[in-house]
Amino acid sequence: MARILVADDDTASLDVIALALSAEGHEVVCASNGQEAYELALSENPDMVLLDIMMPVYNGYETCELMRHDPSLSPTLPIIFLTSMDADKRMLMKAGATDHLPKRHMVQDLREVLSRHLGA
């Protein structure tokens, strides 16, 4: 299965996502802020990144832009934003997002997003 980096400063959300992904057989690497997510992306070589927008140090947009501009990361790395609000699709595209997933439907829609971007 896939190695998935999940970044969210909300511990409860992070736990729910990690549990759902682990139950699907994926390896999960967790970060609680944008800087940690960026550093883990460089060291852990994930197959996919799930990013919250509102995080400390670097927000999700900044983290995504850092990942997209780093030549050591694949330009095709799927970076999916987890949104608790209506996402500004222009901001997501500008940052380099591959897709987004509303948190309110996250667990139900997670399997479909994994399949779409990882073929899993």
PDB file of N, CA and C in Angstrom:
ATOM      1  N   MET A   1       0.831  -1.187   0.000  1.00  0.00           N
ATOM      2  CA  MET A   1       0.000   0.000   0.000  1.00  0.00           C
ATOM      3  C   MET A   1       0.878   1.254   0.000  1.00  0.00           C
ATOM      4  N   ALA A   2       0.250   2.394   0.192  1.00  0.00           N
ATOM      5  CA  ALA A   2       0.940   3.676   0.051  1.00  0.00           C
ATOM      6  C   ALA A   2       1.414   4.237   1.397  1.00  0.00           C
ATOM      7  N   ARG A   3       2.437   5.082   1.321  1.00  0.00           N
ATOM      8  CA  ARG A   3       2.888   5.875   2.475  1.00  0.00           C
ATOM      9  C   ARG A   3       2.240   7.245   2.304  1.00  0.00           C
ATOM     10  N   ILE A   4       1.450   7.646   3.287  1.00  0.00           N
ATOM     11  CA  ILE A   4       0.690   8.890   3.194  1.00  0.00           C
ATOM     12  C   ILE A   4       1.057   9.806   4.348  1.00  0.00           C
ATOM     13  N   LEU A   5       1.464  11.015   3.997  1.00  0.00           N
ATOM     14  CA  LEU A   5       1.775  12.053   4.977  1.00  0.00           C
ATOM     15  C   LEU A   5       0.506  12.853   5.235  1.00  0.00           C
ATOM     16  N   VAL A   6       0.124  12.957   6.501  1.00  0.00           N
ATOM     17  CA  VAL A   6      -1.059  13.715   6.895  1.00  0.00           C
ATOM     18  C   VAL A   6      -0.613  14.836   7.816  1.00  0.00           C
ATOM     19  N   ALA A   7      -1.013  16.071   7.486  1.00  0.00           N
ATOM     20  CA  ALA A   7      -0.647  17.230   8.306  1.00  0.00           C
ATOM     21  C   ALA A   7      -1.901  17.974   8.730  1.00  0.00           C
ATOM     22  N   ASP A   8      -2.087  18.057  10.034  1.00  0.00           N
ATOM     23  CA  ASP A   8      -3.238  18.767  10.600  1.00  0.00           C
ATOM     24  C   ASP A   8      -2.889  19.116  12.041  1.00  0.00           C
ATOM     25  N   ASP A   9      -3.154  20.349  12.446  1.00  0.00           N
ATOM     26  CA  ASP A   9      -2.854  20.750  13.820  1.00  0.00           C
ATOM     27  C   ASP A   9      -3.955  20.339  14.792  1.00  0.00           C
ATOM     28  N   ASP A  10      -5.073  19.858  14.288  1.00  0.00           N
ATOM     29  CA  ASP A  10      -6.169  19.371  15.125  1.00  0.00           C
ATOM     30  C   ASP A  10      -5.929  17.884  15.393  1.00  0.00           C
ATOM     31  N   THR A  11      -5.538  17.572  16.616  1.00  0.00           N
ATOM     32  CA  THR A  11      -5.169  16.204  16.977  1.00  0.00           C
ATOM     33  C   THR A  11      -6.294  15.212  16.721  1.00  0.00           C
ATOM     34  N   ALA A  12      -7.536  15.595  17.012  1.00  0.00           N
ATOM     35  CA  ALA A  12      -8.664  14.688  16.796  1.00  0.00           C
ATOM     36  C   ALA A  12      -8.818  14.353  15.313  1.00  0.00           C
ATOM     37  N   SER A  13      -8.734  15.369  14.450  1.00  0.00           N
ATOM     38  CA  SER A  13      -8.832  15.122  13.004  1.00  0.00           C
ATOM     39  C   SER A  13      -7.682  14.252  12.525  1.00  0.00           C
ATOM     40  N   LEU A  14      -6.497  14.544  13.009  1.00  0.00           N
ATOM     41  CA  LEU A  14      -5.316  13.780  12.624  1.00  0.00           C
ATOM     42  C   LEU A  14      -5.479  12.313  13.009  1.00  0.00           C
ATOM     43  N   ASP A  15      -5.991  12.068  14.207  1.00  0.00           N
ATOM     44  CA  ASP A  15      -6.195  10.695  14.671  1.00  0.00           C
ATOM     45  C   ASP A  15      -7.228   9.957  13.820  1.00  0.00           C
ATOM     46  N   VAL A  16      -8.323  10.619  13.477  1.00  0.00           N
ATOM     47  CA  VAL A  16      -9.378  10.006  12.662  1.00  0.00           C
ATOM     48  C   VAL A  16      -8.833   9.642  11.279  1.00  0.00           C
ATOM     49  N   ILE A  17      -8.121  10.568  10.664  1.00  0.00           N
ATOM     50  CA  ILE A  17      -7.565  10.325   9.333  1.00  0.00           C
ATOM     51  C   ILE A  17      -6.551   9.189   9.383  1.00  0.00           C
ATOM     52  N   ALA A  18      -5.644   9.249  10.354  1.00  0.00           N
ATOM     53  CA  ALA A  18      -4.616   8.214  10.472  1.00  0.00           C
ATOM     54  C   ALA A  18      -5.234   6.837  10.693  1.00  0.00           C
ATOM     55  N   LEU A  19      -6.259   6.762  11.518  1.00  0.00           N
ATOM     56  CA  LEU A  19      -6.934   5.494  11.778  1.00  0.00           C
ATOM     57  C   LEU A  19      -7.608   4.967  10.516  1.00  0.00           C
ATOM     58  N   ALA A  20      -8.305   5.842   9.788  1.00  0.00           N
ATOM     59  CA  ALA A  20      -8.981   5.427   8.557  1.00  0.00           C
ATOM     60  C   ALA A  20      -7.980   4.936   7.510  1.00  0.00           C
ATOM     61  N   LEU A  21      -6.871   5.636   7.361  1.00  0.00           N
ATOM     62  CA  LEU A  21      -5.863   5.235   6.385  1.00  0.00           C
ATOM     63  C   LEU A  21      -5.175   3.940   6.789  1.00  0.00           C
ATOM     64  N   SER A  22      -4.863   3.810   8.073  1.00  0.00           N
ATOM     65  CA  SER A  22      -4.235   2.585   8.574  1.00  0.00           C
ATOM     66  C   SER A  22      -5.154   1.388   8.385  1.00  0.00           C
ATOM     67  N   ALA A  23      -6.448   1.585   8.597  1.00  0.00           N
ATOM     68  CA  ALA A  23      -7.426   0.507   8.419  1.00  0.00           C
ATOM     69  C   ALA A  23      -7.481   0.035   6.968  1.00  0.00           C
ATOM     70  N   GLU A  24      -7.126   0.926   6.051  1.00  0.00           N
ATOM     71  CA  GLU A  24      -7.077   0.574   4.620  1.00  0.00           C
ATOM     72  C   GLU A  24      -5.736  -0.055   4.245  1.00  0.00           C
ATOM     73  N   GLY A  25      -4.823  -0.170   5.219  1.00  0.00           N
ATOM     74  CA  GLY A  25      -3.545  -0.808   4.980  1.00  0.00           C
ATOM     75  C   GLY A  25      -2.409   0.122   4.600  1.00  0.00           C
ATOM     76  N   HIS A  26      -2.638   1.427   4.694  1.00  0.00           N
ATOM     77  CA  HIS A  26      -1.606   2.390   4.325  1.00  0.00           C
ATOM     78  C   HIS A  26      -0.702   2.709   5.507  1.00  0.00           C
ATOM     79  N   GLU A  27       0.536   3.077   5.208  1.00  0.00           N
ATOM     80  CA  GLU A  27       1.460   3.562   6.219  1.00  0.00           C
ATOM     81  C   GLU A  27       1.213   5.061   6.357  1.00  0.00           C
ATOM     82  N   VAL A  28       1.063   5.539   7.574  1.00  0.00           N
ATOM     83  CA  VAL A  28       0.727   6.941   7.810  1.00  0.00           C
ATOM     84  C   VAL A  28       1.862   7.615   8.570  1.00  0.00           C
ATOM     85  N   VAL A  29       2.249   8.790   8.053  1.00  0.00           N
ATOM     86  CA  VAL A  29       3.235   9.646   8.703  1.00  0.00           C
ATOM     87  C   VAL A  29       2.493  10.929   9.056  1.00  0.00           C
ATOM     88  N   CYS A  30       2.572  11.358  10.320  1.00  0.00           N
ATOM     89  CA  CYS A  30       1.781  12.497  10.791  1.00  0.00           C
ATOM     90  C   CYS A  30       2.644  13.713  11.117  1.00  0.00           C
ATOM     91  N   ALA A  31       2.082  14.885  10.807  1.00  0.00           N
ATOM     92  CA  ALA A  31       2.718  16.166  11.141  1.00  0.00           C
ATOM     93  C   ALA A  31       1.663  17.076  11.740  1.00  0.00           C
ATOM     94  N   SER A  32       2.090  17.929  12.677  1.00  0.00           N
ATOM     95  CA  SER A  32       1.135  18.824  13.334  1.00  0.00           C
ATOM     96  C   SER A  32       1.274  20.280  12.904  1.00  0.00           C
ATOM     97  N   ASN A  33       2.204  20.555  11.983  1.00  0.00           N
ATOM     98  CA  ASN A  33       2.309  21.914  11.439  1.00  0.00           C
ATOM     99  C   ASN A  33       2.944  21.831  10.051  1.00  0.00           C
ATOM    100  N   GLY A  34       2.917  22.938   9.339  1.00  0.00           N
ATOM    101  CA  GLY A  34       3.404  22.945   7.975  1.00  0.00           C
ATOM    102  C   GLY A  34       4.894  22.703   7.833  1.00  0.00           C
ATOM    103  N   GLN A  35       5.680  23.244   8.729  1.00  0.00           N
ATOM    104  CA  GLN A  35       7.127  23.035   8.654  1.00  0.00           C
ATOM    105  C   GLN A  35       7.465  21.569   8.837  1.00  0.00           C
ATOM    106  N   GLU A  36       6.844  20.950   9.825  1.00  0.00           N
ATOM    107  CA  GLU A  36       7.074  19.527  10.070  1.00  0.00           C
ATOM    108  C   GLU A  36       6.632  18.704   8.858  1.00  0.00           C
ATOM    109  N   ALA A  37       5.511  19.070   8.244  1.00  0.00           N
ATOM    110  CA  ALA A  37       5.026  18.349   7.067  1.00  0.00           C
ATOM    111  C   ALA A  37       6.030  18.440   5.923  1.00  0.00           C
ATOM    112  N   TYR A  38       6.551  19.628   5.696  1.00  0.00           N
ATOM    113  CA  TYR A  38       7.531  19.816   4.622  1.00  0.00           C
ATOM    114  C   TYR A  38       8.782  18.983   4.878  1.00  0.00           C
ATOM    115  N   GLU A  39       9.286  19.033   6.104  1.00  0.00           N
ATOM    116  CA  GLU A  39      10.490  18.270   6.446  1.00  0.00           C
ATOM    117  C   GLU A  39      10.253  16.763   6.322  1.00  0.00           C
ATOM    118  N   LEU A  40       9.070  16.306   6.736  1.00  0.00           N
ATOM    119  CA  LEU A  40       8.750  14.879   6.615  1.00  0.00           C
ATOM    120  C   LEU A  40       8.567  14.471   5.156  1.00  0.00           C
ATOM    121  N   ALA A  41       8.035  15.364   4.337  1.00  0.00           N
ATOM    122  CA  ALA A  41       7.908  15.056   2.912  1.00  0.00           C
ATOM    123  C   ALA A  41       9.290  14.808   2.305  1.00  0.00           C
ATOM    124  N   LEU A  42      10.265  15.597   2.723  1.00  0.00           N
ATOM    125  CA  LEU A  42      11.625  15.438   2.206  1.00  0.00           C
ATOM    126  C   LEU A  42      12.284  14.155   2.711  1.00  0.00           C
ATOM    127  N   SER A  43      12.044  13.809   3.967  1.00  0.00           N
ATOM    128  CA  SER A  43      12.731  12.655   4.555  1.00  0.00           C
ATOM    129  C   SER A  43      11.990  11.329   4.374  1.00  0.00           C
ATOM    130  N   GLU A  44      10.675  11.365   4.244  1.00  0.00           N
ATOM    131  CA  GLU A  44       9.880  10.130   4.218  1.00  0.00           C
ATOM    132  C   GLU A  44       9.429   9.693   2.828  1.00  0.00           C
ATOM    133  N   ASN A  45       9.573  10.564   1.829  1.00  0.00           N
ATOM    134  CA  ASN A  45       9.200  10.231   0.457  1.00  0.00           C
ATOM    135  C   ASN A  45       7.776   9.647   0.364  1.00  0.00           C
ATOM    136  N   PRO A  46       6.755  10.407   0.755  1.00  0.00           N
ATOM    137  CA  PRO A  46       5.390   9.876   0.737  1.00  0.00           C
ATOM    138  C   PRO A  46       4.852   9.705  -0.689  1.00  0.00           C
ATOM    139  N   ASP A  47       3.843   8.853  -0.811  1.00  0.00           N
ATOM    140  CA  ASP A  47       3.154   8.646  -2.085  1.00  0.00           C
ATOM    141  C   ASP A  47       2.026   9.652  -2.266  1.00  0.00           C
ATOM    142  N   MET A  48       1.577  10.245  -1.159  1.00  0.00           N
ATOM    143  CA  MET A  48       0.507  11.235  -1.163  1.00  0.00           C
ATOM    144  C   MET A  48       0.639  12.092   0.077  1.00  0.00           C
ATOM    145  N   VAL A  49       0.182  13.344  -0.026  1.00  0.00           N
ATOM    146  CA  VAL A  49       0.175  14.257   1.115  1.00  0.00           C
ATOM    147  C   VAL A  49      -1.244  14.779   1.297  1.00  0.00           C
ATOM    148  N   LEU A  50      -1.737  14.718   2.532  1.00  0.00           N
ATOM    149  CA  LEU A  50      -3.019  15.318   2.899  1.00  0.00           C
ATOM    150  C   LEU A  50      -2.712  16.491   3.822  1.00  0.00           C
ATOM    151  N   LEU A  51      -3.121  17.700   3.416  1.00  0.00           N
ATOM    152  CA  LEU A  51      -2.778  18.919   4.157  1.00  0.00           C
ATOM    153  C   LEU A  51      -4.007  19.669   4.623  1.00  0.00           C
ATOM    154  N   ASP A  52      -4.018  20.029   5.879  1.00  0.00           N
ATOM    155  CA  ASP A  52      -5.004  20.978   6.386  1.00  0.00           C
ATOM    156  C   ASP A  52      -4.585  22.368   5.903  1.00  0.00           C
ATOM    157  N   ILE A  53      -5.520  23.272   5.756  1.00  0.00           N
ATOM    158  CA  ILE A  53      -5.172  24.622   5.312  1.00  0.00           C
ATOM    159  C   ILE A  53      -4.643  25.455   6.475  1.00  0.00           C
ATOM    160  N   MET A  54      -5.370  25.481   7.566  1.00  0.00           N
ATOM    161  CA  MET A  54      -5.005  26.331   8.702  1.00  0.00           C
ATOM    162  C   MET A  54      -4.123  25.546   9.671  1.00  0.00           C
ATOM    163  N   MET A  55      -2.810  25.810   9.592  1.00  0.00           N
ATOM    164  CA  MET A  55      -1.836  25.171  10.475  1.00  0.00           C
ATOM    165  C   MET A  55      -0.814  26.207  10.919  1.00  0.00           C
ATOM    166  N   PRO A  56      -0.153  25.951  12.056  1.00  0.00           N
ATOM    167  CA  PRO A  56       0.900  26.861  12.508  1.00  0.00           C
ATOM    168  C   PRO A  56       2.182  26.703  11.687  1.00  0.00           C
ATOM    169  N   VAL A  57       3.072  27.624  11.866  1.00  0.00           N
ATOM    170  CA  VAL A  57       4.378  27.763  11.227  1.00  0.00           C
ATOM    171  C   VAL A  57       4.175  28.076   9.749  1.00  0.00           C
ATOM    172  N   TYR A  58       3.916  27.061   8.903  1.00  0.00           N
ATOM    173  CA  TYR A  58       3.515  27.290   7.514  1.00  0.00           C
ATOM    174  C   TYR A  58       2.072  26.806   7.396  1.00  0.00           C
ATOM    175  N   ASN A  59       1.204  27.615   6.775  1.00  0.00           N
ATOM    176  CA  ASN A  59      -0.152  27.115   6.551  1.00  0.00           C
ATOM    177  C   ASN A  59      -0.111  26.106   5.390  1.00  0.00           C
ATOM    178  N   GLY A  60      -1.239  25.521   5.085  1.00  0.00           N
ATOM    179  CA  GLY A  60      -1.277  24.507   4.037  1.00  0.00           C
ATOM    180  C   GLY A  60      -0.847  25.030   2.680  1.00  0.00           C
ATOM    181  N   TYR A  61      -1.268  26.241   2.332  1.00  0.00           N
ATOM    182  CA  TYR A  61      -0.886  26.818   1.044  1.00  0.00           C
ATOM    183  C   TYR A  61       0.636  26.974   0.947  1.00  0.00           C
ATOM    184  N   GLU A  62       1.238  27.523   2.002  1.00  0.00           N
ATOM    185  CA  GLU A  62       2.688  27.721   2.006  1.00  0.00           C
ATOM    186  C   GLU A  62       3.422  26.374   1.936  1.00  0.00           C
ATOM    187  N   THR A  63       2.918  25.407   2.678  1.00  0.00           N
ATOM    188  CA  THR A  63       3.533  24.087   2.692  1.00  0.00           C
ATOM    189  C   THR A  63       3.471  23.456   1.306  1.00  0.00           C
ATOM    190  N   CYS A  64       2.322  23.546   0.674  1.00  0.00           N
ATOM    191  CA  CYS A  64       2.154  22.998  -0.672  1.00  0.00           C
ATOM    192  C   CYS A  64       3.104  23.672  -1.651  1.00  0.00           C
ATOM    193  N   GLU A  65       3.191  24.991  -1.585  1.00  0.00           N
ATOM    194  CA  GLU A  65       4.092  25.723  -2.486  1.00  0.00           C
ATOM    195  C   GLU A  65       5.549  25.308  -2.267  1.00  0.00           C
ATOM    196  N   LEU A  66       5.956  25.139  -1.012  1.00  0.00           N
ATOM    197  CA  LEU A  66       7.314  24.674  -0.728  1.00  0.00           C
ATOM    198  C   LEU A  66       7.561  23.297  -1.358  1.00  0.00           C
ATOM    199  N   MET A  67       6.595  22.413  -1.209  1.00  0.00           N
ATOM    200  CA  MET A  67       6.734  21.067  -1.769  1.00  0.00           C
ATOM    201  C   MET A  67       6.796  21.120  -3.292  1.00  0.00           C
ATOM    202  N   ARG A  68       5.952  21.921  -3.889  1.00  0.00           N
ATOM    203  CA  ARG A  68       5.904  22.005  -5.355  1.00  0.00           C
ATOM    204  C   ARG A  68       7.180  22.611  -5.948  1.00  0.00           C
ATOM    205  N   HIS A  69       7.839  23.480  -5.195  1.00  0.00           N
ATOM    206  CA  HIS A  69       9.046  24.128  -5.703  1.00  0.00           C
ATOM    207  C   HIS A  69      10.338  23.406  -5.316  1.00  0.00           C
ATOM    208  N   ASP A  70      10.222  22.312  -4.579  1.00  0.00           N
ATOM    209  CA  ASP A  70      11.414  21.578  -4.159  1.00  0.00           C
ATOM    210  C   ASP A  70      11.729  20.505  -5.207  1.00  0.00           C
ATOM    211  N   PRO A  71      12.878  20.601  -5.864  1.00  0.00           N
ATOM    212  CA  PRO A  71      13.205  19.642  -6.923  1.00  0.00           C
ATOM    213  C   PRO A  71      13.422  18.211  -6.436  1.00  0.00           C
ATOM    214  N   SER A  72      13.588  18.023  -5.126  1.00  0.00           N
ATOM    215  CA  SER A  72      13.775  16.662  -4.624  1.00  0.00           C
ATOM    216  C   SER A  72      12.447  15.915  -4.452  1.00  0.00           C
ATOM    217  N   LEU A  73      11.329  16.627  -4.594  1.00  0.00           N
ATOM    218  CA  LEU A  73      10.007  15.991  -4.518  1.00  0.00           C
ATOM    219  C   LEU A  73       9.429  15.880  -5.926  1.00  0.00           C
ATOM    220  N   SER A  74       8.740  14.801  -6.171  1.00  0.00           N
ATOM    221  CA  SER A  74       8.141  14.574  -7.486  1.00  0.00           C
ATOM    222  C   SER A  74       7.105  15.651  -7.807  1.00  0.00           C
ATOM    223  N   PRO A  75       7.144  16.191  -9.004  1.00  0.00           N
ATOM    224  CA  PRO A  75       6.132  17.180  -9.389  1.00  0.00           C
ATOM    225  C   PRO A  75       4.731  16.569  -9.517  1.00  0.00           C
ATOM    226  N   THR A  76       4.660  15.237  -9.557  1.00  0.00           N
ATOM    227  CA  THR A  76       3.359  14.574  -9.658  1.00  0.00           C
ATOM    228  C   THR A  76       2.861  14.046  -8.308  1.00  0.00           C
ATOM    229  N   LEU A  77       3.585  14.374  -7.222  1.00  0.00           N
ATOM    230  CA  LEU A  77       3.144  13.960  -5.891  1.00  0.00           C
ATOM    231  C   LEU A  77       1.740  14.494  -5.633  1.00  0.00           C
ATOM    232  N   PRO A  78       0.761  13.618  -5.371  1.00  0.00           N
ATOM    233  CA  PRO A  78      -0.584  14.109  -5.078  1.00  0.00           C
ATOM    234  C   PRO A  78      -0.611  14.845  -3.734  1.00  0.00           C
ATOM    235  N   ILE A  79      -1.019  16.106  -3.773  1.00  0.00           N
ATOM    236  CA  ILE A  79      -1.175  16.906  -2.563  1.00  0.00           C
ATOM    237  C   ILE A  79      -2.646  17.289  -2.475  1.00  0.00           C
ATOM    238  N   ILE A  80      -3.320  16.714  -1.484  1.00  0.00           N
ATOM    239  CA  ILE A  80      -4.751  16.882  -1.314  1.00  0.00           C
ATOM    240  C   ILE A  80      -4.990  17.753  -0.088  1.00  0.00           C
ATOM    241  N   PHE A  81      -5.752  18.813  -0.261  1.00  0.00           N
ATOM    242  CA  PHE A  81      -6.090  19.677   0.868  1.00  0.00           C
ATOM    243  C   PHE A  81      -7.315  19.150   1.589  1.00  0.00           C
ATOM    244  N   LEU A  82      -7.248  19.145   2.920  1.00  0.00           N
ATOM    245  CA  LEU A  82      -8.386  18.831   3.777  1.00  0.00           C
ATOM    246  C   LEU A  82      -8.980  20.165   4.203  1.00  0.00           C
ATOM    247  N   THR A  83     -10.236  20.374   3.880  1.00  0.00           N
ATOM    248  CA  THR A  83     -10.839  21.683   4.128  1.00  0.00           C
ATOM    249  C   THR A  83     -12.038  21.560   5.056  1.00  0.00           C
ATOM    250  N   SER A  84     -12.107  22.431   6.039  1.00  0.00           N
ATOM    251  CA  SER A  84     -13.261  22.468   6.933  1.00  0.00           C
ATOM    252  C   SER A  84     -14.216  23.572   6.521  1.00  0.00           C
ATOM    253  N   MET A  85     -13.822  24.305   5.518  1.00  0.00           N
ATOM    254  CA  MET A  85     -14.642  25.399   5.006  1.00  0.00           C
ATOM    255  C   MET A  85     -14.711  25.260   3.490  1.00  0.00           C
ATOM    256  N   ASP A  86     -15.530  26.083   2.863  1.00  0.00           N
ATOM    257  CA  ASP A  86     -15.543  26.076   1.408  1.00  0.00           C
ATOM    258  C   ASP A  86     -14.186  26.555   0.922  1.00  0.00           C
ATOM    259  N   ALA A  87     -13.536  25.729   0.153  1.00  0.00           N
ATOM    260  CA  ALA A  87     -12.189  26.045  -0.314  1.00  0.00           C
ATOM    261  C   ALA A  87     -12.234  27.048  -1.455  1.00  0.00           C
ATOM    262  N   ASP A  88     -11.297  27.962  -1.439  1.00  0.00           N
ATOM    263  CA  ASP A  88     -11.112  28.883  -2.547  1.00  0.00           C
ATOM    264  C   ASP A  88     -10.294  28.133  -3.593  1.00  0.00           C
ATOM    265  N   LYS A  89     -10.959  27.662  -4.625  1.00  0.00           N
ATOM    266  CA  LYS A  89     -10.295  26.812  -5.611  1.00  0.00           C
ATOM    267  C   LYS A  89      -9.151  27.525  -6.327  1.00  0.00           C
ATOM    268  N   ARG A  90      -9.248  28.831  -6.470  1.00  0.00           N
ATOM    269  CA  ARG A  90      -8.140  29.576  -7.087  1.00  0.00           C
ATOM    270  C   ARG A  90      -6.896  29.506  -6.217  1.00  0.00           C
ATOM    271  N   MET A  91      -7.077  29.657  -4.899  1.00  0.00           N
ATOM    272  CA  MET A  91      -5.938  29.571  -3.976  1.00  0.00           C
ATOM    273  C   MET A  91      -5.338  28.154  -3.977  1.00  0.00           C
ATOM    274  N   LEU A  92      -6.204  27.140  -4.029  1.00  0.00           N
ATOM    275  CA  LEU A  92      -5.725  25.766  -4.056  1.00  0.00           C
ATOM    276  C   LEU A  92      -4.891  25.511  -5.313  1.00  0.00           C
ATOM    277  N   MET A  93      -5.386  25.961  -6.445  1.00  0.00           N
ATOM    278  CA  MET A  93      -4.671  25.765  -7.708  1.00  0.00           C
ATOM    279  C   MET A  93      -3.360  26.546  -7.722  1.00  0.00           C
ATOM    280  N   LYS A  94      -3.389  27.783  -7.222  1.00  0.00           N
ATOM    281  CA  LYS A  94      -2.183  28.610  -7.187  1.00  0.00           C
ATOM    282  C   LYS A  94      -1.099  27.951  -6.331  1.00  0.00           C
ATOM    283  N   ALA A  95      -1.507  27.326  -5.230  1.00  0.00           N
ATOM    284  CA  ALA A  95      -0.545  26.672  -4.335  1.00  0.00           C
ATOM    285  C   ALA A  95       0.006  25.381  -4.937  1.00  0.00           C
ATOM    286  N   GLY A  96      -0.725  24.805  -5.902  1.00  0.00           N
ATOM    287  CA  GLY A  96      -0.274  23.568  -6.527  1.00  0.00           C
ATOM    288  C   GLY A  96      -1.008  22.328  -6.059  1.00  0.00           C
ATOM    289  N   ALA A  97      -2.193  22.506  -5.488  1.00  0.00           N
ATOM    290  CA  ALA A  97      -2.976  21.374  -5.000  1.00  0.00           C
ATOM    291  C   ALA A  97      -3.390  20.454  -6.148  1.00  0.00           C
ATOM    292  N   THR A  98      -3.433  19.179  -5.851  1.00  0.00           N
ATOM    293  CA  THR A  98      -3.924  18.190  -6.797  1.00  0.00           C
ATOM    294  C   THR A  98      -5.438  18.078  -6.694  1.00  0.00           C
ATOM    295  N   ASP A  99      -5.948  18.202  -5.465  1.00  0.00           N
ATOM    296  CA  ASP A  99      -7.375  18.010  -5.210  1.00  0.00           C
ATOM    297  C   ASP A  99      -7.664  18.549  -3.817  1.00  0.00           C
ATOM    298  N   HIS A 100      -8.930  18.504  -3.416  1.00  0.00           N
ATOM    299  CA  HIS A 100      -9.293  18.846  -2.041  1.00  0.00           C
ATOM    300  C   HIS A 100     -10.413  17.938  -1.581  1.00  0.00           C
ATOM    301  N   LEU A 101     -10.520  17.796  -0.280  1.00  0.00           N
ATOM    302  CA  LEU A 101     -11.490  16.916   0.338  1.00  0.00           C
ATOM    303  C   LEU A 101     -12.089  17.620   1.544  1.00  0.00           C
ATOM    304  N   PRO A 102     -13.401  17.898   1.512  1.00  0.00           N
ATOM    305  CA  PRO A 102     -14.024  18.541   2.676  1.00  0.00           C
ATOM    306  C   PRO A 102     -13.959  17.622   3.899  1.00  0.00           C
ATOM    307  N   LYS A 103     -13.558  18.162   5.029  1.00  0.00           N
ATOM    308  CA  LYS A 103     -13.444  17.359   6.251  1.00  0.00           C
ATOM    309  C   LYS A 103     -14.782  16.753   6.669  1.00  0.00           C
ATOM    310  N   ARG A 104     -15.863  17.448   6.415  1.00  0.00           N
ATOM    311  CA  ARG A 104     -17.155  16.926   6.874  1.00  0.00           C
ATOM    312  C   ARG A 104     -17.534  15.625   6.169  1.00  0.00           C
ATOM    313  N   HIS A 105     -16.965  15.355   5.002  1.00  0.00           N
ATOM    314  CA  HIS A 105     -17.225  14.115   4.274  1.00  0.00           C
ATOM    315  C   HIS A 105     -15.973  13.255   4.152  1.00  0.00           C
ATOM    316  N   MET A 106     -14.975  13.605   4.908  1.00  0.00           N
ATOM    317  CA  MET A 106     -13.653  13.041   4.718  1.00  0.00           C
ATOM    318  C   MET A 106     -13.617  11.524   4.775  1.00  0.00           C
ATOM    319  N   VAL A 107     -14.122  10.931   5.819  1.00  0.00           N
ATOM    320  CA  VAL A 107     -13.987   9.490   5.973  1.00  0.00           C
ATOM    321  C   VAL A 107     -14.747   8.765   4.863  1.00  0.00           C
ATOM    322  N   GLN A 108     -15.944   9.247   4.504  1.00  0.00           N
ATOM    323  CA  GLN A 108     -16.714   8.614   3.452  1.00  0.00           C
ATOM    324  C   GLN A 108     -16.033   8.744   2.098  1.00  0.00           C
ATOM    325  N   ASP A 109     -15.439   9.881   1.820  1.00  0.00           N
ATOM    326  CA  ASP A 109     -14.853  10.149   0.504  1.00  0.00           C
ATOM    327  C   ASP A 109     -13.381   9.779   0.398  1.00  0.00           C
ATOM    328  N   LEU A 110     -12.750   9.426   1.499  1.00  0.00           N
ATOM    329  CA  LEU A 110     -11.314   9.156   1.509  1.00  0.00           C
ATOM    330  C   LEU A 110     -10.944   8.017   0.566  1.00  0.00           C
ATOM    331  N   ARG A 111     -11.690   6.950   0.573  1.00  0.00           N
ATOM    332  CA  ARG A 111     -11.395   5.795  -0.279  1.00  0.00           C
ATOM    333  C   ARG A 111     -11.419   6.181  -1.757  1.00  0.00           C
ATOM    334  N   GLU A 112     -12.382   7.000  -2.150  1.00  0.00           N
ATOM    335  CA  GLU A 112     -12.492   7.426  -3.551  1.00  0.00           C
ATOM    336  C   GLU A 112     -11.317   8.309  -3.950  1.00  0.00           C
ATOM    337  N   VAL A 113     -10.888   9.203  -3.058  1.00  0.00           N
ATOM    338  CA  VAL A 113      -9.744  10.079  -3.348  1.00  0.00           C
ATOM    339  C   VAL A 113      -8.463   9.252  -3.456  1.00  0.00           C
ATOM    340  N   LEU A 114      -8.289   8.279  -2.589  1.00  0.00           N
ATOM    341  CA  LEU A 114      -7.115   7.407  -2.662  1.00  0.00           C
ATOM    342  C   LEU A 114      -7.082   6.672  -3.993  1.00  0.00           C
ATOM    343  N   SER A 115      -8.212   6.144  -4.386  1.00  0.00           N
ATOM    344  CA  SER A 115      -8.289   5.413  -5.654  1.00  0.00           C
ATOM    345  C   SER A 115      -7.999   6.318  -6.832  1.00  0.00           C
ATOM    346  N   ARG A 116      -8.547   7.514  -6.824  1.00  0.00           N
ATOM    347  CA  ARG A 116      -8.365   8.456  -7.938  1.00  0.00           C
ATOM    348  C   ARG A 116      -6.905   8.872  -8.107  1.00  0.00           C
ATOM    349  N   HIS A 117      -6.192   9.073  -7.001  1.00  0.00           N
ATOM    350  CA  HIS A 117      -4.836   9.604  -7.099  1.00  0.00           C
ATOM    351  C   HIS A 117      -3.723   8.589  -6.896  1.00  0.00           C
ATOM    352  N   LEU A 118      -4.049   7.447  -6.321  1.00  0.00           N
ATOM    353  CA  LEU A 118      -3.023   6.417  -6.113  1.00  0.00           C
ATOM    354  C   LEU A 118      -3.327   5.130  -6.877  1.00  0.00           C
ATOM    355  N   GLY A 119      -4.533   5.047  -7.404  1.00  0.00           N
ATOM    356  CA  GLY A 119      -4.937   3.824  -8.065  1.00  0.00           C
ATOM    357  C   GLY A 119      -5.108   2.676  -7.088  1.00  0.00           C
ATOM    358  N   ALA A 120      -5.284   3.023  -5.819  1.00  0.00           N
ATOM    359  CA  ALA A 120      -5.395   1.993  -4.764  1.00  0.00           C
ATOM    360  C   ALA A 120      -6.821   1.531  -4.591  1.00  0.00           C
TER     361      ALA A 120
END
